[in-house]
Protein backbone atom coordinates (compact mmCIF):
# COMPACT_ATOMS: atom_id res chain seq x y z
CA UNK A 1 3.11 68.09 -87.20
CA UNK A 2 3.20 64.53 -88.66
CA UNK A 3 2.41 65.91 -92.31
CA UNK A 4 6.07 65.55 -93.95
CA UNK A 5 6.25 61.92 -95.64
CA UNK A 6 9.12 59.80 -94.18
CA UNK A 7 8.40 56.60 -96.13
CA UNK A 8 11.55 54.88 -97.26
CA UNK A 9 13.24 58.49 -96.70
CA UNK A 10 15.97 57.42 -94.73
CA UNK A 11 17.35 55.79 -98.38
CA UNK A 12 17.57 59.46 -99.59
CA UNK A 13 19.19 60.94 -96.65
CA UNK A 14 22.75 61.82 -96.58
CA UNK A 15 24.84 60.15 -94.10
CA UNK A 16 25.32 63.13 -91.88
CA UNK A 17 21.43 63.57 -91.83
CA UNK A 18 20.97 60.31 -90.86
CA UNK A 19 23.66 60.77 -88.44
CA UNK A 20 21.81 64.00 -87.44
CA UNK A 21 18.29 62.14 -86.57
CA UNK A 22 20.07 60.16 -83.66
CA UNK A 23 20.36 63.53 -81.65
CA UNK A 24 18.24 65.47 -79.11
CA UNK A 25 19.72 68.71 -78.43
CA UNK A 26 19.20 71.41 -76.32
CA UNK A 27 20.24 75.03 -76.84
CA UNK A 28 20.67 78.56 -75.50
CA UNK A 29 18.23 80.89 -76.23
CA UNK A 30 14.91 81.31 -78.34
CA UNK A 31 16.27 83.21 -81.41
CA UNK A 32 15.52 81.59 -84.54
CA UNK A 33 16.10 84.50 -87.07
CA UNK A 34 17.95 83.69 -90.31
CA UNK A 35 21.21 83.15 -89.75
CA UNK A 36 21.75 82.25 -85.67
CA UNK A 37 23.24 79.39 -84.76
CA UNK A 38 19.91 77.46 -83.99
CA UNK A 39 18.21 78.31 -87.00
CA UNK A 40 21.40 76.71 -89.05
CA UNK A 41 21.53 73.26 -86.72
CA UNK A 42 18.18 73.24 -87.27
CA UNK A 43 17.75 74.12 -91.26
CA UNK A 44 21.38 72.81 -92.20
CA UNK A 45 21.48 69.07 -90.21
CA UNK A 46 18.16 69.03 -88.33
CA UNK A 47 18.64 67.09 -85.20
CA UNK A 48 15.77 64.24 -84.77
CA UNK A 49 14.96 66.25 -81.24
CA UNK A 50 15.22 69.53 -79.59
CA UNK A 51 14.74 69.68 -75.70
CA UNK A 52 13.28 73.13 -73.91
CA UNK A 53 14.36 74.29 -70.73
CA UNK A 54 13.47 77.93 -68.72
CA UNK A 55 16.67 77.49 -66.46
CA UNK A 56 20.20 77.76 -67.06
CA UNK A 57 21.91 75.12 -64.61
CA UNK A 58 25.29 76.26 -64.77
CA UNK A 59 24.93 79.82 -64.65
CA UNK A 60 21.67 79.61 -62.73
CA UNK A 61 20.03 81.64 -64.61
CA UNK A 62 17.18 81.84 -67.56
CA UNK A 63 17.72 80.51 -70.65
CA UNK A 64 14.78 81.74 -72.23
CA UNK A 65 13.85 78.69 -74.25
CA UNK A 66 10.69 79.69 -72.19
CA UNK A 67 9.47 83.03 -70.62
CA UNK A 68 5.54 82.94 -71.90
CA UNK A 69 3.04 80.97 -73.61
CA UNK A 70 3.20 83.28 -76.46
CA UNK A 71 6.72 83.04 -76.74
CA UNK A 72 7.03 79.18 -76.39
CA UNK A 73 4.30 78.84 -78.97
CA UNK A 74 6.08 81.25 -81.75
CA UNK A 75 9.30 79.52 -80.78
CA UNK A 76 8.51 75.84 -81.47
CA UNK A 77 5.76 77.02 -84.29
CA UNK A 78 9.28 78.17 -85.98
CA UNK A 79 11.32 75.02 -85.50
CA UNK A 80 9.27 72.64 -87.03
CA UNK A 81 8.50 75.06 -90.31
CA UNK A 82 12.58 75.20 -90.35
CA UNK A 83 13.42 71.79 -90.37
CA UNK A 84 13.57 69.58 -93.20
CA UNK A 85 12.33 66.66 -91.73
CA UNK A 86 9.38 66.01 -88.98
CA UNK A 87 11.22 67.48 -85.79
CA UNK A 88 10.20 65.95 -81.68
CA UNK A 89 10.09 68.90 -79.42
CA UNK A 90 10.54 67.58 -76.20
CA UNK A 91 10.28 68.75 -72.54
CA UNK A 92 10.38 67.28 -69.19
CA UNK A 93 7.02 68.33 -67.59
CA UNK A 94 6.72 65.56 -65.18
CA UNK A 95 4.62 67.98 -62.93
CA UNK A 96 5.64 69.32 -59.40
CA UNK A 97 9.24 70.71 -59.01
CA UNK A 98 10.11 68.96 -62.05
CA UNK A 99 8.71 71.69 -64.26
CA UNK A 100 9.77 73.89 -67.28
CA UNK A 101 6.07 75.22 -67.58
CA UNK A 102 6.13 77.25 -64.02
CA UNK A 103 2.98 79.92 -63.24
CA UNK A 104 5.53 82.45 -63.19
CA UNK A 105 5.66 82.34 -66.90
CA UNK A 106 1.80 82.00 -66.95
CA UNK A 107 1.32 78.35 -67.14
CA UNK A 108 -0.97 76.63 -65.03
CA UNK A 109 0.17 74.85 -61.67
CA UNK A 110 0.89 70.78 -61.51
CA UNK A 111 1.01 67.85 -59.56
CA UNK A 112 4.12 65.99 -58.79
CA UNK A 113 4.10 61.94 -59.13
CA UNK A 114 3.97 61.84 -55.59
CA UNK A 115 1.14 63.66 -54.75
CA UNK A 116 -0.89 61.69 -57.70
CA UNK A 117 0.52 58.52 -56.37
CA UNK A 118 -1.07 59.56 -52.58
CA UNK A 119 -4.26 60.22 -53.78
CA UNK A 120 -4.17 56.57 -55.31
CA UNK A 121 -6.68 58.51 -57.83
CA UNK A 122 -5.94 56.69 -61.45
CA UNK A 123 -8.68 58.92 -63.00
CA UNK A 124 -7.14 62.37 -61.40
CA UNK A 125 -3.61 60.97 -62.79
CA UNK A 126 -4.75 60.55 -66.12
CA UNK A 127 -6.50 63.94 -66.23
CA UNK A 128 -3.28 65.49 -64.79
CA UNK A 129 -1.66 64.11 -67.09
CA UNK A 130 -4.12 65.60 -70.36
CA UNK A 131 -3.79 68.96 -68.51
CA UNK A 132 -0.15 68.82 -69.49
CA UNK A 133 -0.88 67.23 -72.66
CA UNK A 134 -3.25 69.92 -74.19
CA UNK A 135 -0.54 72.70 -72.71
CA UNK A 136 1.82 70.55 -74.52
CA UNK A 137 0.04 70.60 -77.84
CA UNK A 138 -1.15 73.85 -78.11
CA UNK A 139 2.50 75.10 -77.70
CA UNK A 140 3.63 72.21 -80.47
CA UNK A 141 5.45 70.51 -78.49
CA UNK A 142 5.21 66.71 -79.34
CA UNK A 143 7.37 64.68 -76.91
CA UNK A 144 7.01 64.70 -72.90
CA UNK A 145 9.78 62.59 -70.80
CA UNK A 146 7.51 61.48 -68.39
CA UNK A 147 6.18 59.29 -66.65
CA UNK A 148 8.73 58.82 -64.21
CA UNK A 149 8.13 54.61 -63.69
CA UNK A 150 11.07 54.89 -61.15
CA UNK A 151 10.13 53.02 -57.41
CA UNK A 152 10.92 54.74 -54.37
CA UNK A 153 12.83 52.26 -52.77
CA UNK A 154 15.29 54.83 -51.17
CA UNK A 155 13.44 57.31 -49.80
CA UNK A 156 16.51 59.46 -49.29
CA UNK A 157 17.30 59.96 -52.70
CA UNK A 158 17.89 63.23 -53.79
CA UNK A 159 16.94 62.91 -57.12
CA UNK A 160 13.49 61.24 -56.96
CA UNK A 161 11.42 60.75 -54.14
CA UNK A 162 13.19 64.16 -51.96
CA UNK A 163 12.24 66.08 -55.47
CA UNK A 164 8.53 64.19 -55.43
CA UNK A 165 9.38 62.12 -58.95
CA UNK A 166 8.00 58.50 -58.00
CA UNK A 167 4.48 57.74 -57.87
CA UNK A 168 5.34 55.41 -54.92
CA UNK A 169 7.29 52.95 -53.27
CA UNK A 170 5.29 49.86 -54.74
CA UNK A 171 5.52 48.23 -58.11
CA UNK A 172 2.12 48.24 -58.61
CA UNK A 173 1.14 51.56 -57.55
CA UNK A 174 3.89 53.10 -59.88
CA UNK A 175 2.60 51.34 -63.07
CA UNK A 176 -0.89 51.72 -62.67
CA UNK A 177 -0.73 55.31 -62.30
CA UNK A 178 2.50 55.57 -65.03
CA UNK A 179 -0.54 53.52 -67.45
CA UNK A 180 -3.29 56.27 -66.30
CA UNK A 181 -0.23 58.90 -67.08
CA UNK A 182 0.52 57.91 -70.02
CA UNK A 183 -2.97 57.23 -71.34
CA UNK A 184 -3.58 61.17 -70.40
CA UNK A 185 -0.99 62.36 -72.99
CA UNK A 186 -1.50 60.29 -75.58
CA UNK A 187 -4.97 61.51 -75.80
CA UNK A 188 -3.92 65.01 -76.47
CA UNK A 189 -1.21 63.14 -79.09
CA UNK A 190 1.63 63.50 -77.21
CA UNK A 191 4.06 60.76 -76.86
CA UNK A 192 5.14 60.19 -73.28
CA UNK A 193 8.85 58.86 -72.32
CA UNK A 194 9.28 56.26 -69.45
CA UNK A 195 12.18 56.52 -67.06
CA UNK A 196 14.75 55.60 -65.85
CA UNK A 197 15.62 52.27 -67.15
CA UNK A 198 16.42 49.79 -65.35
CA UNK A 199 15.17 51.81 -62.50
CA UNK A 200 16.88 54.48 -60.47
CA UNK A 201 14.31 54.41 -57.42
CA UNK A 202 16.71 52.91 -55.10
CA UNK A 203 19.91 54.64 -56.18
CA UNK A 204 21.42 56.85 -52.82
CA UNK A 205 23.30 59.02 -55.42
CA UNK A 206 22.43 61.49 -58.49
CA UNK A 207 24.07 60.22 -61.78
CA UNK A 208 24.11 64.29 -62.54
CA UNK A 209 26.70 64.42 -59.95
CA UNK A 210 28.88 60.74 -60.65
CA UNK A 211 29.00 57.15 -60.60
CA UNK A 212 26.05 55.89 -59.19
CA UNK A 213 25.80 51.72 -58.37
CA UNK A 214 22.81 50.28 -57.41
CA UNK A 215 24.14 46.84 -57.03
CA UNK A 216 23.17 46.19 -53.43
CA UNK A 217 19.84 48.04 -53.12
CA UNK A 218 18.10 47.60 -57.08
CA UNK A 219 15.06 45.23 -56.68
CA UNK A 220 13.86 42.86 -59.26
CA UNK A 221 10.55 44.63 -58.86
CA UNK A 222 11.76 47.63 -60.65
CA UNK A 223 11.08 46.39 -63.48
CA UNK A 224 7.52 45.08 -63.28
CA UNK A 225 6.20 48.43 -63.97
CA UNK A 226 8.06 48.59 -67.44
CA UNK A 227 7.29 44.83 -68.42
CA UNK A 228 3.45 45.66 -67.77
CA UNK A 229 3.40 48.93 -69.37
CA UNK A 230 5.34 47.34 -72.74
CA UNK A 231 2.76 44.36 -72.61
CA UNK A 232 -0.11 46.81 -72.58
CA UNK A 233 1.46 48.48 -75.19
CA UNK A 234 1.75 51.81 -73.78
CA UNK A 235 4.99 51.88 -73.99
CA UNK A 236 6.87 53.59 -77.25
CA UNK A 237 9.81 55.34 -75.56
CA UNK A 238 12.31 54.90 -72.83
CA UNK A 239 14.56 56.61 -71.32
CA UNK A 240 18.17 54.71 -69.81
CA UNK A 241 19.71 55.79 -66.26
CA UNK A 242 23.47 56.47 -66.17
CA UNK A 243 23.29 53.76 -62.86
CA UNK A 244 25.58 50.98 -62.52
CA UNK A 245 24.17 47.47 -61.64
CA UNK A 246 27.37 45.00 -61.85
CA UNK A 247 25.04 41.89 -61.79
CA UNK A 248 23.97 42.95 -65.35
CA UNK A 249 27.00 44.37 -66.16
CA UNK A 250 30.22 44.31 -64.22
CA UNK A 251 31.34 47.51 -66.36
CA UNK A 252 29.59 49.64 -67.59
CA UNK A 253 26.34 52.21 -66.56
CA UNK A 254 23.26 51.11 -68.26
CA UNK A 255 23.09 53.26 -71.05
CA UNK A 256 26.01 52.01 -72.90
CA UNK A 257 25.86 48.43 -71.49
CA UNK A 258 25.93 46.04 -74.04
CA UNK A 259 23.51 43.52 -71.76
CA UNK A 260 20.86 45.91 -70.20
CA UNK A 261 19.50 47.46 -73.50
CA UNK A 262 19.79 44.90 -75.81
CA UNK A 263 19.48 41.56 -74.30
CA UNK A 264 17.64 42.53 -70.92
CA UNK A 265 15.25 45.72 -72.59
CA UNK A 266 14.84 44.24 -76.04
CA UNK A 267 15.43 40.72 -76.13
CA UNK A 268 13.65 39.74 -72.77
CA UNK A 269 11.13 42.41 -71.87
CA UNK A 270 10.26 42.45 -75.30
CA UNK A 271 10.61 46.31 -76.08
CA UNK A 272 10.49 47.22 -79.46
CA UNK A 273 10.22 51.08 -78.86
CA UNK A 274 12.71 54.08 -79.12
CA UNK A 275 15.79 54.26 -76.06
CA UNK A 276 16.79 57.32 -75.12
CA UNK A 277 19.45 57.87 -73.26
CA UNK A 278 19.49 60.74 -70.36
CA UNK A 279 21.77 63.84 -71.00
CA UNK A 280 24.96 62.22 -71.93
CA UNK A 281 26.69 65.07 -70.04
CA UNK A 282 25.95 63.91 -66.68
CA UNK A 283 28.92 63.56 -65.28
CA UNK A 284 28.23 59.90 -64.70
CA UNK A 285 29.12 59.62 -67.95
CA UNK A 286 31.05 62.89 -69.24
CA UNK A 287 33.30 62.51 -66.20
CA UNK A 288 34.81 58.98 -67.29
CA UNK A 289 33.88 58.75 -70.93
CA UNK A 290 35.11 61.02 -74.11
CA UNK A 291 31.99 61.59 -76.19
CA UNK A 292 33.82 59.59 -79.01
CA UNK A 293 33.68 56.55 -76.69
CA UNK A 294 30.53 57.14 -74.97
CA UNK A 295 28.85 57.05 -78.82
CA UNK A 296 30.68 53.76 -80.03
CA UNK A 297 29.25 52.31 -76.68
CA UNK A 298 26.19 53.55 -76.60
CA UNK A 299 25.78 52.81 -80.53
CA UNK A 300 27.07 49.23 -79.78
CA UNK A 301 24.14 48.83 -76.96
CA UNK A 302 21.11 49.82 -79.07
CA UNK A 303 21.11 53.26 -78.53
CA UNK A 304 18.48 55.17 -80.63
CA UNK A 305 19.10 58.95 -79.48
CA UNK A 306 21.50 60.39 -77.50
CA UNK A 307 20.76 63.65 -75.36
CA UNK A 308 22.47 66.39 -75.25
CA UNK A 309 20.79 69.09 -72.93
CA UNK A 310 23.44 71.81 -72.95
CA UNK A 311 22.45 72.95 -69.97
CA UNK A 312 25.04 70.77 -67.40
CA UNK A 313 28.36 71.91 -68.59
CA UNK A 314 30.11 75.20 -69.45
CA UNK A 315 31.10 74.24 -72.71
CA UNK A 316 27.72 73.13 -75.46
CA UNK A 317 27.99 70.38 -77.95
CA UNK A 318 27.56 70.92 -81.34
CA UNK A 319 25.39 69.05 -83.15
CA UNK A 320 28.05 69.03 -86.03
CA UNK A 321 30.82 68.13 -84.25
CA UNK A 322 28.42 65.11 -82.86
CA UNK A 323 27.77 64.21 -86.11
CA UNK A 324 31.04 63.97 -87.32
CA UNK A 325 32.48 62.22 -84.64
CA UNK A 326 30.32 59.21 -85.35
CA UNK A 327 31.15 59.77 -88.81
CA UNK A 328 34.49 58.74 -87.94
CA UNK A 329 33.49 55.57 -86.04
CA UNK A 330 31.87 54.52 -89.37
CA UNK A 331 34.78 55.56 -91.01
CA UNK A 332 36.81 53.11 -88.64
CA UNK A 333 34.82 50.37 -88.53
CA UNK A 334 33.81 50.68 -85.39
CA UNK A 335 30.06 51.34 -86.32
CA UNK A 336 28.44 49.96 -89.17
CA UNK A 337 26.05 52.46 -91.44
CA UNK A 338 23.51 49.57 -91.23
CA UNK A 339 23.73 50.98 -86.88
CA UNK A 340 22.71 54.04 -87.72
CA UNK A 341 19.93 53.39 -90.47
CA UNK A 342 18.17 51.00 -87.99
CA UNK A 343 17.61 53.97 -85.33
CA UNK A 344 17.09 55.86 -88.11
CA UNK A 345 14.15 53.88 -89.73
CA UNK A 346 12.88 53.19 -86.25
CA UNK A 347 12.59 57.31 -85.39
CA UNK A 348 11.31 58.20 -89.13
CA UNK A 349 8.40 55.21 -88.30
CA UNK A 350 7.30 56.74 -85.01
CA UNK A 351 7.35 60.31 -86.26
CA UNK A 352 4.80 59.03 -88.90
CA UNK A 353 2.26 57.57 -85.88
CA UNK A 354 0.30 59.26 -83.48
CA UNK A 355 1.26 57.95 -79.90
CA UNK A 356 -0.65 54.51 -79.05
């Protein structure tokens, strides 16, 4: 999966191909037959990554990206084969309730972050992540959007604590288990992505549903797991949250903040890895910003890869439209092409490496 050379490859790519690398796309179904919409998206433009789901969250029915191990393996092999550039295939396989590879489809049961944190057995956490990584590797999936590095400050959080997605309420506990989880994934050659920066664990609301302000609840130690993992050299990918913290940025959510990503995460904390957004179709973004504005602000903030999961809104985003929108931003002088090259080079460089 890392065999396709990308040495200086960004210099040989068309602008549209380069822009397409900035997107993590969800899709319906699993038909990779030549001529299908999915085949065409992968073949003609080539997103930087795709993300897999097992359920349609809009219509509350299966999307059938995932129905069995054999089906999923065949789909992922086809995705890799059709893509002319190295393709990341991502999934939210945290364990417990956030679990796309469910036993009903023929996959092994998994434990939640909360369970692992309560056991406080580092070797158990590492083994759980290694087992997950082994299955992902067998399926030809390359990125797991885990571990969750949110510190469970708000016990009534509907999206973090109540869904057992945090290792616990202590930043040290979260750090130790996130570290073990990353090591487990990396031992199987799987990239882990720490989320949701700068911390969603104190939020009372859910960014799927709208604006979430953590100004009065967020605590400084929510950054500690990130700082320590960055210092350890284990954190290569970070996913941002759509939360607002007015002491950092009085106007904008973290994902599109020109303070939180470039100044806090990159400059102050020294992160030089890849920045993913949480799903741009969550209402905290989609209800308040048009796609063009959100992409412009995200690029100016330093986002490397934008997630459009196509599993939250009735009308799916098309990669061709997203690419055209970024082209417009460049033509209008709102984004510099060098800004695109900066992220594309980082993405392609990481695709040529194994997780560390």
